[in-house]
Amino acid sequence: MRYRFEYKYLLNAHTATILRGRAAAVMCPDANSSNGSYVVNNLYLDDRYDTFYYEKYHGSFQRDKYRLRHYNGDMSFIRLERKHKDGYVSYKETMKISEEQYQKIKSGKMDFILMEEAALWRKLALIYRLRGLRPAAIYAYRREAFVYDPGDVRFTFDSPLFDFAKAKSDILPSYDSLSHSYASPPYSLMLEVKFSGFLPELIKRLLDGLPLAHTEMSKYSIARERGFLPYGQI
């Protein structure tokens, strides 16, 4: 189990352009960003009490999120993830699931998880049995990511959220053309800085002199508050 630090910042388009250029000079695009940005598709789960939403809303030091994630609308590789946070550090448990399992969870037909044996399934099964686990929000965003091996550093530039579920599968919004910003203008993009153990001085300097707005925003919370296909509409 590996904990990682994670910090989030809101960026305007001009700052994002400068920082992308700096990152490209000393970091490498991650495997998924070799051809530019890619789409991250998310289906989040919550219980009947919206426990995971309210843990974030109330600023709980320890909190969990459960989600199903795939990329570019490709259903051939789907992951079930549990993300646990202790303040600014977090770790993830992940496992691959089938499209059939994804579709059952998306439609709320989740009895099958009571029969699964993997540890992550068992955690979900306990929540499902005791608190009525259910699909809570579905959305997507475009991401461009850079990595730097010392410190296991990762920068991700995330576009505003969009309702991928209602879009045609062959039409993906361009990186900078989305209207649902994270906050009031001028901020429209979110930067996530993730690293293990330490942030190298060279990477710290990439952030110098830029108007970065630190934020505790959660994409899941934003999706819930903006009505991105809440439970009952999926």
Protein backbone atom coordinates (compact mmCIF):
# COMPACT_ATOMS: atom_id res chain seq x y z
CA MET A 1 0.00 0.00 0.00
CA ARG A 2 1.67 3.21 -1.20
CA TYR A 3 0.56 6.63 0.02
CA ARG A 4 0.97 9.61 -2.30
CA PHE A 5 0.68 13.34 -1.74
CA GLU A 6 -1.93 15.12 -3.84
CA TYR A 7 -2.51 18.87 -4.26
CA LYS A 8 -5.05 20.56 -6.53
CA TYR A 9 -4.96 24.00 -8.14
CA LEU A 10 -7.32 25.96 -10.35
CA LEU A 11 -5.80 27.48 -13.49
CA ASN A 12 -6.89 29.96 -16.08
CA ALA A 13 -6.18 29.15 -19.73
CA HIS A 14 -3.12 31.43 -19.93
CA THR A 15 -1.49 29.93 -16.84
CA ALA A 16 -2.25 26.42 -18.07
CA THR A 17 -0.50 27.15 -21.37
CA ILE A 18 2.63 28.43 -19.59
CA LEU A 19 2.75 25.51 -17.16
CA ARG A 20 2.17 22.93 -19.89
CA GLY A 21 5.16 24.36 -21.73
CA ARG A 22 7.35 24.23 -18.62
CA ALA A 23 6.26 20.69 -17.81
CA ALA A 24 6.92 19.50 -21.37
CA ALA A 25 10.51 20.82 -21.12
CA VAL A 26 11.51 18.65 -18.14
CA MET A 27 8.82 15.98 -17.78
CA CYS A 28 7.55 13.25 -20.08
CA PRO A 29 3.98 12.74 -21.29
CA ASP A 30 2.49 9.72 -19.57
CA ALA A 31 1.65 6.70 -21.71
CA ASN A 32 -1.92 7.84 -22.30
CA SER A 33 -0.87 11.38 -23.26
CA SER A 34 1.60 10.41 -25.97
CA ASN A 35 -0.85 11.73 -28.59
CA GLY A 36 -2.12 14.64 -26.50
CA SER A 37 -5.09 14.56 -24.15
CA TYR A 38 -7.41 11.65 -23.44
CA VAL A 39 -10.87 11.22 -21.94
CA VAL A 40 -11.36 9.87 -18.42
CA ASN A 41 -14.80 8.28 -17.95
CA ASN A 42 -16.07 7.94 -14.36
CA LEU A 43 -19.00 6.26 -12.66
CA TYR A 44 -19.06 7.03 -8.92
CA LEU A 45 -20.82 5.01 -6.25
CA ASP A 46 -22.33 6.17 -2.97
CA ASP A 47 -24.72 4.82 -0.35
CA ARG A 48 -28.29 5.85 0.41
CA TYR A 49 -26.99 8.39 2.93
CA ASP A 50 -24.51 9.97 0.47
CA THR A 51 -21.75 9.18 2.95
CA PHE A 52 -18.86 9.69 0.55
CA TYR A 53 -20.28 12.98 -0.73
CA TYR A 54 -20.77 14.35 2.78
CA GLU A 55 -17.36 13.16 3.98
CA LYS A 56 -15.88 15.49 1.38
CA TYR A 57 -18.45 18.25 1.95
CA HIS A 58 -17.68 18.35 5.70
CA GLY A 59 -13.92 18.08 5.19
CA SER A 60 -13.44 14.72 6.93
CA PHE A 61 -9.75 13.99 7.38
CA GLN A 62 -10.28 10.34 6.42
CA ARG A 63 -12.58 9.60 3.54
CA ASP A 64 -13.21 7.13 0.73
CA LYS A 65 -14.45 7.19 -2.84
CA TYR A 66 -15.52 4.23 -4.95
CA ARG A 67 -15.59 4.58 -8.73
CA LEU A 68 -15.51 2.69 -12.01
CA ARG A 69 -13.16 4.18 -14.57
CA HIS A 70 -12.30 3.67 -18.22
CA TYR A 71 -10.71 5.82 -20.92
CA ASN A 72 -11.80 7.30 -24.27
CA GLY A 73 -15.12 5.45 -24.04
CA ASP A 74 -13.26 2.14 -24.44
CA MET A 75 -15.11 -0.53 -22.43
CA SER A 76 -12.47 -3.23 -22.98
CA PHE A 77 -10.49 -2.09 -19.93
CA ILE A 78 -12.51 -0.95 -16.91
CA ARG A 79 -11.21 -0.56 -13.37
CA LEU A 80 -12.98 -0.61 -10.05
CA GLU A 81 -11.16 1.74 -7.68
CA ARG A 82 -11.29 2.63 -4.03
CA LYS A 83 -9.48 5.88 -3.27
CA HIS A 84 -8.74 6.47 0.41
CA LYS A 85 -7.49 9.86 1.65
CA ASP A 86 -5.90 10.95 4.90
CA GLY A 87 -5.64 14.72 4.50
CA TYR A 88 -3.25 15.42 1.62
CA VAL A 89 -2.06 11.82 1.24
CA SER A 90 -3.97 9.05 -0.45
CA TYR A 91 -3.72 5.55 -1.80
CA LYS A 92 -5.75 3.54 -4.30
CA GLU A 93 -6.90 -0.06 -4.52
CA THR A 94 -7.78 -1.12 -8.05
CA MET A 95 -8.89 -4.17 -9.97
CA LYS A 96 -10.05 -4.86 -13.51
CA ILE A 97 -13.73 -5.67 -14.03
CA SER A 98 -15.76 -6.79 -17.02
CA GLU A 99 -18.12 -4.68 -19.12
CA GLU A 100 -20.96 -6.92 -17.95
CA GLN A 101 -20.16 -6.13 -14.32
CA TYR A 102 -19.93 -2.43 -15.16
CA GLN A 103 -23.33 -2.41 -16.83
CA LYS A 104 -24.93 -4.24 -13.89
CA ILE A 105 -23.52 -1.71 -11.43
CA LYS A 106 -24.54 1.21 -13.65
CA SER A 107 -28.13 -0.07 -13.75
CA GLY A 108 -28.18 -0.66 -9.98
CA LYS A 109 -28.37 -4.47 -10.30
CA MET A 110 -25.62 -5.14 -7.80
CA ASP A 111 -26.61 -8.35 -6.02
CA PHE A 112 -23.84 -10.18 -7.87
CA ILE A 113 -21.15 -8.47 -5.81
CA LEU A 114 -22.32 -10.43 -2.74
CA MET A 115 -20.89 -13.55 -4.40
CA GLU A 116 -17.51 -12.08 -5.39
CA GLU A 117 -14.44 -13.06 -3.37
CA ALA A 118 -11.80 -10.42 -4.17
CA ALA A 119 -11.02 -8.06 -1.27
CA LEU A 120 -12.23 -4.93 -3.04
CA TRP A 121 -15.51 -6.59 -3.97
CA ARG A 122 -15.97 -7.65 -0.35
CA LYS A 123 -15.62 -4.05 0.82
CA LEU A 124 -18.25 -2.97 -1.66
CA ALA A 125 -20.51 -5.87 -0.67
CA LEU A 126 -20.44 -4.80 2.98
CA ILE A 127 -21.50 -1.25 2.08
CA TYR A 128 -24.13 -2.59 -0.30
CA ARG A 129 -25.60 -4.89 2.33
CA LEU A 130 -25.57 -2.38 5.21
CA ARG A 131 -26.09 1.00 3.54
CA GLY A 132 -27.50 0.40 0.08
CA LEU A 133 -24.62 1.13 -2.30
CA ARG A 134 -25.76 2.62 -5.61
CA PRO A 135 -24.53 4.50 -8.71
CA ALA A 136 -24.47 8.20 -7.85
CA ALA A 137 -22.91 10.21 -10.71
CA ILE A 138 -21.44 9.64 -14.15
CA TYR A 139 -19.27 12.14 -16.02
CA ALA A 140 -16.06 12.54 -17.98
CA TYR A 141 -13.28 15.06 -18.60
CA ARG A 142 -10.24 15.46 -20.81
CA ARG A 143 -6.82 15.01 -19.22
CA GLU A 144 -3.26 15.73 -20.26
CA ALA A 145 -0.61 14.21 -17.97
CA PHE A 146 3.15 14.52 -17.46
CA VAL A 147 5.41 12.36 -15.31
CA TYR A 148 8.84 12.75 -13.72
CA ASP A 149 10.51 9.65 -12.29
CA PRO A 150 12.40 11.13 -9.28
CA GLY A 151 9.78 11.41 -6.57
CA ASP A 152 7.29 9.59 -8.82
CA VAL A 153 5.78 12.96 -9.78
CA ARG A 154 2.67 13.35 -11.92
CA PHE A 155 1.05 16.54 -13.23
CA THR A 156 -2.46 16.25 -14.65
CA PHE A 157 -4.28 19.05 -16.45
CA ASP A 158 -8.01 18.34 -16.35
CA SER A 159 -10.64 20.04 -18.48
CA PRO A 160 -14.06 20.97 -17.11
CA LEU A 161 -16.48 18.08 -16.63
CA PHE A 162 -18.84 17.04 -19.37
CA ASP A 163 -21.78 14.70 -19.67
CA PHE A 164 -20.21 11.92 -21.71
CA ALA A 165 -23.18 9.64 -21.09
CA LYS A 166 -25.45 11.88 -23.18
CA ALA A 167 -22.88 12.57 -25.90
CA LYS A 168 -22.48 10.51 -29.04
CA SER A 169 -19.71 7.97 -28.52
CA ASP A 170 -17.80 9.15 -31.59
CA ILE A 171 -17.86 12.86 -30.67
CA LEU A 172 -15.57 13.90 -27.84
CA PRO A 173 -15.41 17.59 -26.86
CA SER A 174 -12.09 19.25 -27.52
CA TYR A 175 -9.79 19.99 -24.58
CA ASP A 176 -10.48 23.72 -24.32
CA SER A 177 -14.05 23.96 -25.65
CA LEU A 178 -16.04 22.89 -22.58
CA SER A 179 -18.35 25.27 -20.77
CA HIS A 180 -18.74 23.74 -17.29
CA SER A 181 -15.78 25.34 -15.52
CA TYR A 182 -14.67 24.29 -12.05
CA ALA A 183 -15.21 27.75 -10.62
CA SER A 184 -16.13 31.26 -11.62
CA PRO A 185 -13.99 32.87 -14.34
CA PRO A 186 -11.11 33.14 -14.91
CA TYR A 187 -10.49 29.60 -13.63
CA SER A 188 -11.48 26.78 -15.96
CA LEU A 189 -8.90 23.99 -15.62
CA MET A 190 -7.71 21.90 -12.68
CA LEU A 191 -4.09 20.93 -12.07
CA GLU A 192 -3.35 17.95 -9.81
CA VAL A 193 0.19 17.54 -8.52
CA LYS A 194 0.87 14.04 -7.18
CA PHE A 195 4.11 12.63 -5.81
CA SER A 196 5.52 9.99 -3.50
CA GLY A 197 7.80 10.99 -0.65
CA PHE A 198 9.16 14.30 -1.95
CA LEU A 199 8.70 16.89 -4.67
CA PRO A 200 12.03 17.54 -6.44
CA GLU A 201 13.28 21.12 -6.45
CA LEU A 202 13.28 21.19 -10.25
CA ILE A 203 9.56 20.44 -10.28
CA LYS A 204 8.82 22.99 -7.57
CA ARG A 205 10.41 25.65 -9.78
CA LEU A 206 7.96 24.89 -12.57
CA LEU A 207 5.23 26.36 -10.37
CA ASP A 208 7.12 29.54 -9.42
CA GLY A 209 5.57 32.89 -10.27
CA LEU A 210 2.26 31.48 -11.51
CA PRO A 211 -1.17 32.50 -10.15
CA LEU A 212 -2.18 29.07 -8.88
CA ALA A 213 -5.34 28.93 -6.78
CA HIS A 214 -5.15 26.06 -4.31
CA THR A 215 -8.45 24.21 -4.05
CA GLU A 216 -10.06 21.35 -2.16
CA MET A 217 -12.67 20.83 -4.87
CA SER A 218 -13.76 17.28 -5.65
CA LYS A 219 -14.83 16.38 -9.18
CA TYR A 220 -17.36 13.94 -7.73
CA SER A 221 -18.86 16.66 -5.54
CA ILE A 222 -19.03 19.06 -8.48
CA ALA A 223 -20.75 16.42 -10.60
CA ARG A 224 -23.31 15.74 -7.88
CA GLU A 225 -24.03 19.41 -7.30
CA ARG A 226 -24.45 20.08 -11.03
CA GLY A 227 -26.74 17.12 -11.56
CA PHE A 228 -24.49 15.02 -13.77
CA LEU A 229 -26.82 12.03 -14.03
CA PRO A 230 -27.51 11.45 -10.33
CA TYR A 231 -29.01 8.18 -9.19
CA GLY A 232 -32.42 7.67 -10.75
CA GLN A 233 -31.42 9.21 -14.08
CA ILE A 234 -28.67 6.78 -15.11
